[in-house]
Amino acid sequence: MKIHYLKTPIKDSVLEKLSAGDIVYLSGDVFTARDTAHKLKCSMIKKGRKLPFDIKGEIVYYCGPAPGRKKGSIGSCGPTTSSRMDRYTPLLLDKGIKAMIGKGVRSGEVVRSIVKNKAVYFAAPAGLGALLSKCVRKSEVLAFRELGPEAVYRFNVEDMPLIVAVDSKGKCIYKA
């Protein structure tokens, strides 16, 4: 197990050096998306429509942040169960997403797609949404504002603690 301090955008050569079980402190931009936003994005892609933001090379955090107490801030922003996004993930990886952040095991199809696309899946510590929100330095809605907390946000994060759950070679922390 190694500890890595990574800054977005992350190059493929850096992702390839990560191993399942490594600890990562991530800084830079990530965008959030949950079930409904993924469904909308995939529908747009299948219809040949342009997405409202470029996903190529990006990191998606499976999260729907709670509203913050002050205007413009966010509240708790813990990870949601990643397997709920599995039906959308292979298409989004094929379109350029390089990493995902969530919690829990991924399907065999998603793991194969991670390997095919030389991507990575990070696990965020579950149950610590309030603490994870302290890593978010800035947030803005990028798309689908009408979805409320399930809109797509861009977060600028600093030293967000993560674990490499599935590396680019398909090794997974969830298998014995």
Protein backbone atom coordinates (compact mmCIF):
# COMPACT_ATOMS: atom_id res chain seq x y z
CA MET A 1 0.00 0.00 0.00
CA LYS A 2 1.27 3.44 -0.97
CA ILE A 3 0.07 6.96 -0.27
CA HIS A 4 -0.38 9.32 -3.23
CA TYR A 5 -1.14 13.04 -3.40
CA LEU A 6 -2.87 13.63 -6.74
CA LYS A 7 -4.01 16.78 -8.49
CA THR A 8 -6.54 16.90 -11.30
CA PRO A 9 -6.41 16.50 -14.20
CA ILE A 10 -4.74 13.14 -13.62
CA LYS A 11 -2.69 11.68 -16.46
CA ASP A 12 -3.15 8.08 -17.57
CA SER A 13 0.48 7.36 -16.62
CA VAL A 14 -0.34 8.32 -13.00
CA LEU A 15 -3.55 6.24 -12.90
CA GLU A 16 -1.62 3.22 -14.17
CA LYS A 17 0.74 3.43 -11.15
CA LEU A 18 -2.11 3.20 -8.62
CA SER A 19 -2.84 -0.17 -7.02
CA ALA A 20 -5.96 -1.41 -5.28
CA GLY A 21 -5.67 -0.53 -1.59
CA ASP A 22 -3.50 2.55 -2.12
CA ILE A 23 -4.50 5.70 -0.24
CA VAL A 24 -5.04 8.86 -2.29
CA TYR A 25 -5.42 12.48 -1.23
CA LEU A 26 -7.10 14.15 -4.20
CA SER A 27 -7.01 17.87 -4.97
CA GLY A 28 -8.53 19.73 -7.90
CA ASP A 29 -11.83 19.58 -9.75
CA VAL A 30 -14.30 16.70 -9.71
CA PHE A 31 -17.93 16.72 -10.74
CA THR A 32 -20.85 15.10 -8.95
CA ALA A 33 -23.58 13.00 -10.50
CA ARG A 34 -26.12 10.50 -9.25
CA ASP A 35 -28.68 8.23 -10.89
CA THR A 36 -30.90 10.78 -12.62
CA ALA A 37 -28.02 12.88 -13.97
CA HIS A 38 -26.32 9.73 -15.32
CA LYS A 39 -29.55 8.66 -16.98
CA LEU A 40 -29.91 12.10 -18.62
CA LYS A 41 -26.28 12.14 -19.80
CA CYS A 42 -26.50 8.64 -21.28
CA SER A 43 -29.78 9.49 -23.02
CA MET A 44 -28.15 12.58 -24.55
CA ILE A 45 -25.14 10.56 -25.71
CA LYS A 46 -27.34 7.86 -27.28
CA LYS A 47 -29.34 10.54 -29.12
CA GLY A 48 -26.13 12.14 -30.41
CA ARG A 49 -26.66 15.33 -28.41
CA LYS A 50 -23.80 17.29 -26.91
CA LEU A 51 -23.47 17.16 -23.12
CA PRO A 52 -23.65 20.48 -21.25
CA PHE A 53 -20.05 19.90 -20.07
CA ASP A 54 -17.09 17.86 -21.30
CA ILE A 55 -16.60 14.56 -19.44
CA LYS A 56 -13.37 13.55 -21.17
CA GLY A 57 -10.61 13.05 -18.63
CA GLU A 58 -12.88 13.93 -15.70
CA ILE A 59 -13.55 12.37 -12.31
CA VAL A 60 -17.15 11.81 -11.24
CA TYR A 61 -18.12 11.70 -7.58
CA TYR A 62 -21.33 9.78 -6.90
CA CYS A 63 -22.76 12.32 -4.50
CA GLY A 64 -25.79 14.54 -4.02
CA PRO A 65 -24.65 17.28 -1.65
CA ALA A 66 -26.95 18.59 1.03
CA PRO A 67 -27.51 22.35 1.07
CA GLY A 68 -25.13 24.33 3.23
CA ARG A 69 -26.05 26.68 6.03
CA LYS A 70 -24.57 29.69 4.23
CA LYS A 71 -25.53 30.78 0.74
CA GLY A 72 -23.27 29.15 -1.83
CA SER A 73 -21.86 26.51 0.51
CA ILE A 74 -22.62 22.82 0.66
CA GLY A 75 -23.49 20.60 3.54
CA SER A 76 -22.79 16.91 3.93
CA CYS A 77 -21.49 15.34 0.72
CA GLY A 78 -20.85 11.67 1.37
CA PRO A 79 -20.65 9.03 -1.36
CA THR A 80 -23.69 7.18 -2.62
CA THR A 81 -23.79 3.48 -3.51
CA SER A 82 -21.89 3.12 -6.78
CA SER A 83 -23.60 -0.03 -8.03
CA ARG A 84 -26.70 2.06 -8.75
CA MET A 85 -24.68 3.76 -11.52
CA ASP A 86 -23.32 0.51 -13.00
CA ARG A 87 -25.80 0.43 -15.91
CA TYR A 88 -24.53 3.84 -17.09
CA THR A 89 -20.84 3.52 -16.26
CA PRO A 90 -19.45 1.58 -19.28
CA LEU A 91 -20.84 4.14 -21.75
CA LEU A 92 -19.52 7.06 -19.71
CA LEU A 93 -16.09 5.43 -19.39
CA ASP A 94 -16.05 4.86 -23.15
CA LYS A 95 -16.79 8.58 -23.59
CA GLY A 96 -13.79 9.57 -21.52
CA ILE A 97 -14.42 9.55 -17.76
CA LYS A 98 -11.13 8.53 -16.11
CA ALA A 99 -12.13 7.93 -12.51
CA MET A 100 -15.14 7.52 -10.27
CA ILE A 101 -15.59 8.09 -6.55
CA GLY A 102 -18.27 6.29 -4.57
CA LYS A 103 -18.80 3.47 -2.13
CA GLY A 104 -19.25 -0.25 -2.49
CA VAL A 105 -18.52 -2.99 -4.96
CA ARG A 106 -18.84 -2.61 -8.76
CA SER A 107 -20.19 -5.14 -11.25
CA GLY A 108 -17.93 -7.36 -13.35
CA GLU A 109 -19.01 -5.40 -16.44
CA VAL A 110 -17.87 -2.13 -14.83
CA VAL A 111 -14.55 -3.64 -13.72
CA ARG A 112 -13.93 -4.87 -17.29
CA SER A 113 -14.78 -1.40 -18.60
CA ILE A 114 -12.39 0.19 -16.08
CA VAL A 115 -9.60 -2.05 -17.43
CA LYS A 116 -10.56 -1.41 -21.07
CA ASN A 117 -10.51 2.36 -20.53
CA LYS A 118 -7.51 2.41 -18.14
CA ALA A 119 -9.63 4.13 -15.52
CA VAL A 120 -9.81 3.86 -11.71
CA TYR A 121 -12.56 3.57 -9.11
CA PHE A 122 -11.94 5.27 -5.77
CA ALA A 123 -13.87 4.52 -2.59
CA ALA A 124 -14.67 7.45 -0.33
CA PRO A 125 -15.17 6.84 3.38
CA ALA A 126 -18.89 6.19 3.93
CA GLY A 127 -20.67 7.82 6.85
CA LEU A 128 -18.33 10.80 6.88
CA GLY A 129 -20.21 13.17 4.56
CA ALA A 130 -19.92 16.12 6.94
CA LEU A 131 -16.14 15.65 7.19
CA LEU A 132 -15.78 15.17 3.42
CA SER A 133 -17.60 18.47 2.87
CA LYS A 134 -14.65 20.17 4.60
CA CYS A 135 -12.49 19.06 1.64
CA VAL A 136 -14.70 21.03 -0.78
CA ARG A 137 -13.22 24.49 -1.30
CA LYS A 138 -15.67 25.65 -3.95
CA SER A 139 -18.80 24.29 -5.65
CA GLU A 140 -20.92 25.35 -8.57
CA VAL A 141 -23.84 23.81 -10.46
CA LEU A 142 -22.72 22.72 -13.94
CA ALA A 143 -25.89 21.15 -15.33
CA PHE A 144 -29.42 19.94 -14.60
CA ARG A 145 -30.10 22.57 -11.91
CA GLU A 146 -33.72 21.41 -11.84
CA LEU A 147 -32.57 18.19 -10.13
CA GLY A 148 -31.69 20.06 -6.94
CA PRO A 149 -29.07 18.13 -4.94
CA GLU A 150 -28.86 15.62 -7.80
CA ALA A 151 -27.77 18.34 -10.24
CA VAL A 152 -24.25 18.04 -11.60
CA TYR A 153 -21.89 20.14 -9.49
CA ARG A 154 -18.24 20.96 -10.01
CA PHE A 155 -16.37 20.65 -6.72
CA ASN A 156 -12.90 21.98 -6.17
CA VAL A 157 -11.51 19.68 -3.49
CA GLU A 158 -8.36 19.71 -1.40
CA ASP A 159 -6.80 16.52 0.00
CA MET A 160 -9.98 14.46 -0.28
CA PRO A 161 -9.13 11.08 1.33
CA LEU A 162 -9.83 8.10 -0.94
CA ILE A 163 -8.87 4.46 -1.37
CA VAL A 164 -8.15 2.89 -4.75
CA ALA A 165 -10.97 0.33 -4.81
CA VAL A 166 -10.47 -0.91 -8.40
CA ASP A 167 -7.22 -0.14 -10.18
CA SER A 168 -6.66 0.15 -13.94
CA LYS A 169 -5.62 -3.50 -14.09
CA GLY A 170 -8.89 -4.68 -12.52
CA LYS A 171 -7.56 -5.54 -9.09
CA CYS A 172 -10.26 -4.87 -6.50
CA ILE A 173 -10.21 -4.40 -2.72
CA TYR A 174 -13.59 -6.08 -2.41
CA LYS A 175 -12.30 -9.51 -3.47
CA ALA A 176 -10.43 -11.80 -1.12
